[in-house]
Amino acid sequence: MSTRTWGWLAAVVDVVLIVLFAVIGRSSHGEAASVLGLWTTAYPFLAGWAIGYVSSGAWARPLRYWPTAVVLWVLTVFIGLAIRVATGQGDVDGNPLPISFVIVTTVVLGAFLFGWRALARLVDRALARRGAGSDRREPRATA
């Protein structure tokens, strides 16, 4: 698979997992399953991810942990939480940023953004060992 293909695939998988994070969060808090509600929950993190995608050059090295996954993770969490605080989302009893939400967000998004890359790298290496795709141009992730 080409680097370009991996770049697009990585972007799609990341976005789907961030939306899944929002879906899980909304359902675990008994919030309505509406498109607008889902967008309101997801867009702060999608904005952080988009900034991370561009600033890390994720399309050029989509499976790398450093800098790709690390930058994506940190900016997705940091910018997402900052936007949520700035827009008044998630206020619990006057606390605009409950530490439990920060921890859950950091852990879950980290698991999502690193986890699928770890699986993809394992599959990629297994295929390379078998000799399947010796003509493939996907960059071997080594970080």
N, C-alpha and C. Protein backbone atom coordinates (compact mmCIF):
# COMPACT_ATOMS: atom_id res chain seq x y z
N MET A 1 0.85 -1.17 0.00
CA MET A 1 0.00 0.00 0.00
C MET A 1 0.90 1.24 0.00
N SER A 2 0.54 2.25 -0.74
CA SER A 2 1.38 3.44 -0.86
C SER A 2 1.24 4.32 0.38
N THR A 3 2.22 5.19 0.58
CA THR A 3 2.18 6.13 1.69
C THR A 3 0.94 7.01 1.59
N ARG A 4 0.60 7.41 0.38
CA ARG A 4 -0.58 8.25 0.18
C ARG A 4 -1.85 7.51 0.62
N THR A 5 -1.96 6.25 0.25
CA THR A 5 -3.12 5.46 0.65
C THR A 5 -3.16 5.31 2.17
N TRP A 6 -2.03 5.00 2.77
CA TRP A 6 -1.97 4.88 4.23
C TRP A 6 -2.34 6.21 4.88
N GLY A 7 -1.92 7.32 4.29
CA GLY A 7 -2.24 8.63 4.84
C GLY A 7 -3.73 8.89 4.88
N TRP A 8 -4.42 8.58 3.78
CA TRP A 8 -5.87 8.75 3.75
C TRP A 8 -6.56 7.77 4.68
N LEU A 9 -6.12 6.53 4.67
CA LEU A 9 -6.71 5.53 5.55
C LEU A 9 -6.53 5.91 7.01
N ALA A 10 -5.36 6.38 7.35
CA ALA A 10 -5.09 6.81 8.73
C ALA A 10 -6.02 7.94 9.14
N ALA A 11 -6.21 8.89 8.25
CA ALA A 11 -7.10 10.02 8.56
C ALA A 11 -8.52 9.52 8.81
N VAL A 12 -9.00 8.63 7.96
CA VAL A 12 -10.36 8.11 8.12
C VAL A 12 -10.49 7.33 9.44
N VAL A 13 -9.52 6.46 9.71
CA VAL A 13 -9.59 5.67 10.95
C VAL A 13 -9.54 6.58 12.17
N ASP A 14 -8.65 7.56 12.17
CA ASP A 14 -8.57 8.49 13.30
C ASP A 14 -9.90 9.21 13.52
N VAL A 15 -10.47 9.74 12.46
CA VAL A 15 -11.73 10.48 12.58
C VAL A 15 -12.85 9.57 13.07
N VAL A 16 -12.93 8.37 12.53
CA VAL A 16 -13.96 7.43 12.97
C VAL A 16 -13.80 7.11 14.47
N LEU A 17 -12.57 6.93 14.91
CA LEU A 17 -12.33 6.61 16.33
C LEU A 17 -12.64 7.80 17.24
N ILE A 18 -12.37 9.01 16.78
CA ILE A 18 -12.71 10.19 17.59
C ILE A 18 -14.23 10.34 17.69
N VAL A 19 -14.92 10.09 16.59
CA VAL A 19 -16.39 10.14 16.62
C VAL A 19 -16.92 9.01 17.52
N LEU A 20 -16.32 7.84 17.44
CA LEU A 20 -16.71 6.73 18.32
C LEU A 20 -16.52 7.11 19.79
N PHE A 21 -15.41 7.79 20.10
CA PHE A 21 -15.18 8.29 21.46
C PHE A 21 -16.34 9.18 21.90
N ALA A 22 -16.78 10.07 21.02
CA ALA A 22 -17.90 10.96 21.34
C ALA A 22 -19.20 10.17 21.52
N VAL A 23 -19.43 9.18 20.65
CA VAL A 23 -20.64 8.36 20.76
C VAL A 23 -20.65 7.61 22.09
N ILE A 24 -19.53 7.00 22.44
CA ILE A 24 -19.44 6.26 23.70
C ILE A 24 -19.65 7.19 24.88
N GLY A 25 -19.01 8.35 24.84
CA GLY A 25 -19.16 9.31 25.93
C GLY A 25 -20.60 9.77 26.09
N ARG A 26 -21.23 10.10 24.99
CA ARG A 26 -22.62 10.57 25.06
C ARG A 26 -23.54 9.47 25.58
N SER A 27 -23.34 8.24 25.09
CA SER A 27 -24.23 7.16 25.53
C SER A 27 -23.98 6.79 26.98
N SER A 28 -22.75 6.87 27.43
CA SER A 28 -22.46 6.52 28.82
C SER A 28 -23.02 7.55 29.80
N HIS A 29 -23.33 8.75 29.31
CA HIS A 29 -23.92 9.78 30.16
C HIS A 29 -25.41 9.97 29.88
N GLY A 30 -25.97 9.06 29.08
CA GLY A 30 -27.39 9.11 28.81
C GLY A 30 -27.84 10.31 28.00
N GLU A 31 -26.94 10.85 27.19
CA GLU A 31 -27.30 12.01 26.36
C GLU A 31 -27.97 11.55 25.07
N ALA A 32 -28.79 12.41 24.53
CA ALA A 32 -29.57 12.09 23.33
C ALA A 32 -28.66 11.72 22.17
N ALA A 33 -29.11 10.76 21.39
CA ALA A 33 -28.37 10.31 20.21
C ALA A 33 -28.83 11.10 19.00
N SER A 34 -28.38 12.34 18.91
CA SER A 34 -28.73 13.18 17.76
C SER A 34 -27.46 13.58 17.03
N VAL A 35 -27.61 13.89 15.76
CA VAL A 35 -26.46 14.29 14.95
C VAL A 35 -25.86 15.59 15.51
N LEU A 36 -26.72 16.55 15.86
CA LEU A 36 -26.22 17.81 16.41
C LEU A 36 -25.50 17.60 17.74
N GLY A 37 -26.06 16.77 18.58
CA GLY A 37 -25.41 16.48 19.86
C GLY A 37 -24.07 15.80 19.66
N LEU A 38 -24.03 14.85 18.74
CA LEU A 38 -22.78 14.16 18.45
C LEU A 38 -21.74 15.14 17.90
N TRP A 39 -22.15 16.00 16.98
CA TRP A 39 -21.24 17.00 16.43
C TRP A 39 -20.71 17.92 17.54
N THR A 40 -21.60 18.37 18.43
CA THR A 40 -21.20 19.26 19.51
C THR A 40 -20.14 18.61 20.40
N THR A 41 -20.29 17.33 20.64
CA THR A 41 -19.32 16.61 21.47
C THR A 41 -18.03 16.33 20.72
N ALA A 42 -18.13 15.98 19.46
CA ALA A 42 -16.95 15.53 18.71
C ALA A 42 -16.10 16.66 18.13
N TYR A 43 -16.72 17.78 17.72
CA TYR A 43 -15.96 18.77 16.95
C TYR A 43 -14.76 19.36 17.68
N PRO A 44 -14.79 19.55 19.01
CA PRO A 44 -13.57 20.08 19.64
C PRO A 44 -12.37 19.15 19.45
N PHE A 45 -12.61 17.87 19.55
CA PHE A 45 -11.53 16.89 19.41
C PHE A 45 -11.13 16.71 17.95
N LEU A 46 -12.10 16.81 17.05
CA LEU A 46 -11.78 16.75 15.62
C LEU A 46 -10.95 17.97 15.20
N ALA A 47 -11.25 19.12 15.78
CA ALA A 47 -10.45 20.32 15.49
C ALA A 47 -9.02 20.14 15.98
N GLY A 48 -8.86 19.62 17.18
CA GLY A 48 -7.52 19.35 17.70
C GLY A 48 -6.78 18.34 16.85
N TRP A 49 -7.50 17.29 16.42
CA TRP A 49 -6.89 16.28 15.56
C TRP A 49 -6.45 16.89 14.24
N ALA A 50 -7.30 17.74 13.63
CA ALA A 50 -6.97 18.34 12.34
C ALA A 50 -5.71 19.19 12.43
N ILE A 51 -5.57 19.95 13.49
CA ILE A 51 -4.37 20.75 13.70
C ILE A 51 -3.17 19.83 13.88
N GLY A 52 -3.34 18.75 14.62
CA GLY A 52 -2.27 17.78 14.82
C GLY A 52 -1.89 17.06 13.53
N TYR A 53 -2.87 16.74 12.72
CA TYR A 53 -2.62 16.05 11.45
C TYR A 53 -1.74 16.90 10.55
N VAL A 54 -2.08 18.18 10.45
CA VAL A 54 -1.32 19.08 9.60
C VAL A 54 0.07 19.36 10.19
N SER A 55 0.13 19.64 11.49
CA SER A 55 1.41 20.02 12.09
C SER A 55 2.38 18.86 12.23
N SER A 56 1.89 17.63 12.28
CA SER A 56 2.78 16.48 12.41
C SER A 56 3.19 15.90 11.07
N GLY A 57 2.55 16.34 10.01
CA GLY A 57 2.81 15.74 8.69
C GLY A 57 2.37 14.29 8.65
N ALA A 58 1.26 14.00 9.30
CA ALA A 58 0.78 12.63 9.47
C ALA A 58 0.57 11.89 8.16
N TRP A 59 0.24 12.61 7.10
CA TRP A 59 0.01 11.96 5.80
C TRP A 59 1.30 11.34 5.25
N ALA A 60 2.46 11.85 5.67
CA ALA A 60 3.74 11.35 5.16
C ALA A 60 4.26 10.15 5.95
N ARG A 61 3.85 10.01 7.19
CA ARG A 61 4.29 8.90 8.04
C ARG A 61 3.14 8.50 8.97
N PRO A 62 2.10 7.99 8.40
CA PRO A 62 0.85 7.75 9.12
C PRO A 62 0.92 6.72 10.24
N LEU A 63 1.84 5.76 10.17
CA LEU A 63 1.89 4.72 11.19
C LEU A 63 2.94 4.98 12.27
N ARG A 64 3.67 6.04 12.15
CA ARG A 64 4.74 6.34 13.11
C ARG A 64 4.14 6.75 14.45
N TYR A 65 4.79 6.33 15.53
CA TYR A 65 4.39 6.80 16.85
C TYR A 65 4.91 8.21 17.08
N TRP A 66 6.19 8.42 16.72
CA TRP A 66 6.78 9.74 16.86
C TRP A 66 7.17 10.25 15.49
N PRO A 67 6.78 11.41 15.13
CA PRO A 67 5.95 12.36 15.87
C PRO A 67 4.45 12.19 15.65
N THR A 68 4.05 11.40 14.66
CA THR A 68 2.65 11.38 14.23
C THR A 68 1.67 11.12 15.37
N ALA A 69 1.68 9.93 15.94
CA ALA A 69 0.67 9.57 16.94
C ALA A 69 0.77 10.43 18.19
N VAL A 70 1.98 10.74 18.60
CA VAL A 70 2.16 11.56 19.81
C VAL A 70 1.57 12.95 19.60
N VAL A 71 1.92 13.60 18.49
CA VAL A 71 1.40 14.95 18.22
C VAL A 71 -0.11 14.91 18.06
N LEU A 72 -0.62 13.94 17.31
CA LEU A 72 -2.07 13.82 17.15
C LEU A 72 -2.76 13.67 18.49
N TRP A 73 -2.24 12.80 19.33
CA TRP A 73 -2.84 12.54 20.64
C TRP A 73 -2.83 13.78 21.52
N VAL A 74 -1.67 14.39 21.66
CA VAL A 74 -1.54 15.55 22.55
C VAL A 74 -2.43 16.70 22.07
N LEU A 75 -2.39 17.02 20.78
CA LEU A 75 -3.18 18.15 20.29
C LEU A 75 -4.67 17.83 20.27
N THR A 76 -5.04 16.59 19.96
CA THR A 76 -6.45 16.22 20.00
C THR A 76 -7.01 16.43 21.41
N VAL A 77 -6.29 15.95 22.40
CA VAL A 77 -6.75 16.08 23.79
C VAL A 77 -6.70 17.54 24.25
N PHE A 78 -5.54 18.19 24.09
CA PHE A 78 -5.37 19.54 24.62
C PHE A 78 -6.32 20.53 23.97
N ILE A 79 -6.36 20.57 22.65
CA ILE A 79 -7.23 21.52 21.95
C ILE A 79 -8.69 21.16 22.15
N GLY A 80 -8.99 19.86 22.13
CA GLY A 80 -10.37 19.44 22.37
C GLY A 80 -10.88 19.88 23.73
N LEU A 81 -10.07 19.68 24.75
CA LEU A 81 -10.48 20.10 26.10
C LEU A 81 -10.56 21.62 26.20
N ALA A 82 -9.62 22.32 25.57
CA ALA A 82 -9.64 23.79 25.60
C ALA A 82 -10.90 24.34 24.95
N ILE A 83 -11.28 23.77 23.81
CA ILE A 83 -12.50 24.22 23.14
C ILE A 83 -13.72 23.92 23.99
N ARG A 84 -13.74 22.75 24.60
CA ARG A 84 -14.88 22.40 25.45
C ARG A 84 -15.02 23.38 26.61
N VAL A 85 -13.91 23.75 27.23
CA VAL A 85 -13.97 24.72 28.33
C VAL A 85 -14.41 26.09 27.80
N ALA A 86 -13.84 26.52 26.68
CA ALA A 86 -14.17 27.82 26.11
C ALA A 86 -15.64 27.93 25.70
N THR A 87 -16.24 26.82 25.31
CA THR A 87 -17.64 26.84 24.87
C THR A 87 -18.61 26.42 25.97
N GLY A 88 -18.10 26.14 27.15
CA GLY A 88 -18.96 25.80 28.28
C GLY A 88 -19.49 24.38 28.27
N GLN A 89 -18.88 23.51 27.49
CA GLN A 89 -19.31 22.11 27.44
C GLN A 89 -18.74 21.35 28.64
N GLY A 90 -19.50 20.44 29.16
CA GLY A 90 -19.00 19.51 30.16
C GLY A 90 -18.90 20.05 31.56
N ASP A 91 -19.48 21.20 31.84
CA ASP A 91 -19.43 21.77 33.18
C ASP A 91 -20.18 20.86 34.15
N VAL A 92 -19.50 20.45 35.21
CA VAL A 92 -20.12 19.59 36.22
C VAL A 92 -20.04 20.30 37.57
N ASP A 93 -21.19 20.70 38.07
CA ASP A 93 -21.28 21.38 39.36
C ASP A 93 -20.32 22.56 39.46
N GLY A 94 -20.25 23.35 38.41
CA GLY A 94 -19.40 24.53 38.40
C GLY A 94 -17.95 24.27 38.04
N ASN A 95 -17.59 23.00 37.83
CA ASN A 95 -16.23 22.66 37.43
C ASN A 95 -16.21 22.50 35.92
N PRO A 96 -15.52 23.42 35.21
CA PRO A 96 -15.54 23.37 33.76
C PRO A 96 -14.71 22.22 33.16
N LEU A 97 -13.86 21.62 33.96
CA LEU A 97 -13.00 20.56 33.43
C LEU A 97 -12.72 19.52 34.53
N PRO A 98 -13.69 18.64 34.77
CA PRO A 98 -13.49 17.62 35.80
C PRO A 98 -12.27 16.74 35.49
N ILE A 99 -11.45 16.49 36.48
CA ILE A 99 -10.22 15.71 36.28
C ILE A 99 -10.54 14.31 35.77
N SER A 100 -11.66 13.75 36.18
CA SER A 100 -12.03 12.41 35.69
C SER A 100 -12.22 12.43 34.17
N PHE A 101 -12.80 13.50 33.65
CA PHE A 101 -12.99 13.61 32.20
C PHE A 101 -11.65 13.76 31.50
N VAL A 102 -10.75 14.53 32.08
CA VAL A 102 -9.42 14.71 31.50
C VAL A 102 -8.70 13.37 31.42
N ILE A 103 -8.77 12.59 32.48
CA ILE A 103 -8.10 11.29 32.53
C ILE A 103 -8.71 10.33 31.50
N VAL A 104 -10.02 10.22 31.51
CA VAL A 104 -10.69 9.31 30.57
C VAL A 104 -10.41 9.72 29.13
N THR A 105 -10.51 11.00 28.85
CA THR A 105 -10.25 11.49 27.50
C THR A 105 -8.83 11.17 27.06
N THR A 106 -7.87 11.45 27.92
CA THR A 106 -6.46 11.22 27.60
C THR A 106 -6.19 9.74 27.36
N VAL A 107 -6.70 8.89 28.22
CA VAL A 107 -6.45 7.46 28.11
C VAL A 107 -7.15 6.86 26.88
N VAL A 108 -8.42 7.16 26.71
CA VAL A 108 -9.18 6.55 25.61
C VAL A 108 -8.66 7.03 24.26
N LEU A 109 -8.46 8.33 24.09
CA LEU A 109 -7.95 8.81 22.81
C LEU A 109 -6.53 8.31 22.55
N GLY A 110 -5.73 8.18 23.60
CA GLY A 110 -4.40 7.59 23.44
C GLY A 110 -4.49 6.15 22.97
N ALA A 111 -5.36 5.39 23.61
CA ALA A 111 -5.53 3.99 23.21
C ALA A 111 -6.03 3.89 21.77
N PHE A 112 -6.96 4.75 21.41
CA PHE A 112 -7.49 4.72 20.05
C PHE A 112 -6.43 5.12 19.02
N LEU A 113 -5.76 6.25 19.24
CA LEU A 113 -4.83 6.77 18.23
C LEU A 113 -3.54 5.96 18.13
N PHE A 114 -3.10 5.37 19.24
CA PHE A 114 -1.91 4.51 19.19
C PHE A 114 -2.28 3.07 18.88
N GLY A 115 -3.42 2.63 19.40
CA GLY A 115 -3.80 1.23 19.30
C GLY A 115 -3.95 0.71 17.89
N TRP A 116 -4.69 1.42 17.07
CA TRP A 116 -4.88 0.92 15.70
C TRP A 116 -3.57 0.99 14.93
N ARG A 117 -2.73 1.98 15.24
CA ARG A 117 -1.43 2.06 14.57
C ARG A 117 -0.55 0.87 14.96
N ALA A 118 -0.62 0.48 16.22
CA ALA A 118 0.16 -0.68 16.67
C ALA A 118 -0.31 -1.94 15.93
N LEU A 119 -1.61 -2.11 15.82
CA LEU A 119 -2.14 -3.27 15.09
C LEU A 119 -1.75 -3.23 13.61
N ALA A 120 -1.86 -2.07 12.99
CA ALA A 120 -1.50 -1.94 11.58
C ALA A 120 -0.02 -2.23 11.37
N ARG A 121 0.81 -1.80 12.29
CA ARG A 121 2.25 -2.05 12.18
C ARG A 121 2.55 -3.54 12.31
N LEU A 122 1.86 -4.21 13.23
CA LEU A 122 2.05 -5.65 13.39
C LEU A 122 1.66 -6.40 12.13
N VAL A 123 0.52 -6.04 11.57
CA VAL A 123 0.07 -6.68 10.34
C VAL A 123 1.05 -6.37 9.20
N ASP A 124 1.48 -5.13 9.11
CA ASP A 124 2.42 -4.73 8.07
C ASP A 124 3.72 -5.52 8.17
N ARG A 125 4.22 -5.67 9.37
CA ARG A 125 5.47 -6.43 9.56
C ARG A 125 5.27 -7.90 9.26
N ALA A 126 4.13 -8.45 9.66
CA ALA A 126 3.86 -9.86 9.37
C ALA A 126 3.79 -10.10 7.87
N LEU A 127 3.14 -9.21 7.16
CA LEU A 127 3.06 -9.33 5.71
C LEU A 127 4.43 -9.19 5.07
N ALA A 128 5.24 -8.30 5.60
CA ALA A 128 6.58 -8.10 5.06
C ALA A 128 7.44 -9.36 5.27
N ARG A 129 7.28 -10.00 6.43
CA ARG A 129 8.04 -11.22 6.71
C ARG A 129 7.65 -12.36 5.77
N ARG A 130 6.40 -12.41 5.41
CA ARG A 130 5.92 -13.46 4.51
C ARG A 130 6.33 -13.19 3.07
N GLY A 131 6.81 -12.00 2.83
CA GLY A 131 7.19 -11.65 1.47
C GLY A 131 6.03 -11.15 0.65
N ALA A 132 4.86 -11.06 1.27
CA ALA A 132 3.69 -10.55 0.54
C ALA A 132 3.84 -9.04 0.42
N GLY A 133 3.92 -8.59 -0.79
CA GLY A 133 3.99 -7.15 -1.00
C GLY A 133 5.41 -6.62 -1.02
N SER A 134 6.34 -7.38 -1.52
CA SER A 134 7.71 -6.89 -1.58
C SER A 134 7.81 -5.66 -2.46
N ASP A 135 6.80 -5.44 -3.30
CA ASP A 135 6.80 -4.26 -4.16
C ASP A 135 6.00 -3.12 -3.56
N ARG A 136 5.52 -3.30 -2.33
CA ARG A 136 4.73 -2.25 -1.67
C ARG A 136 5.62 -1.06 -1.35
N ARG A 137 5.04 0.12 -1.29
CA ARG A 137 5.79 1.33 -1.04
C ARG A 137 5.38 1.94 0.31
N GLU A 138 4.72 1.20 1.18
CA GLU A 138 4.32 1.71 2.48
C GLU A 138 5.56 1.85 3.35
N PRO A 139 5.74 2.98 3.99
CA PRO A 139 6.93 3.17 4.80
C PRO A 139 6.89 2.31 6.05
N ARG A 140 7.93 1.62 6.32
CA ARG A 140 8.03 0.84 7.54
C ARG A 140 8.13 1.80 8.70
N ALA A 141 7.19 1.69 9.65
CA ALA A 141 7.20 2.55 10.83
C ALA A 141 8.21 1.99 11.83
N THR A 142 9.10 2.82 12.28
CA THR A 142 10.17 2.33 13.15
C THR A 142 10.23 3.06 14.48
N ALA A 143 9.36 3.99 14.72
CA ALA A 143 9.45 4.75 15.97
C ALA A 143 8.64 4.10 17.06
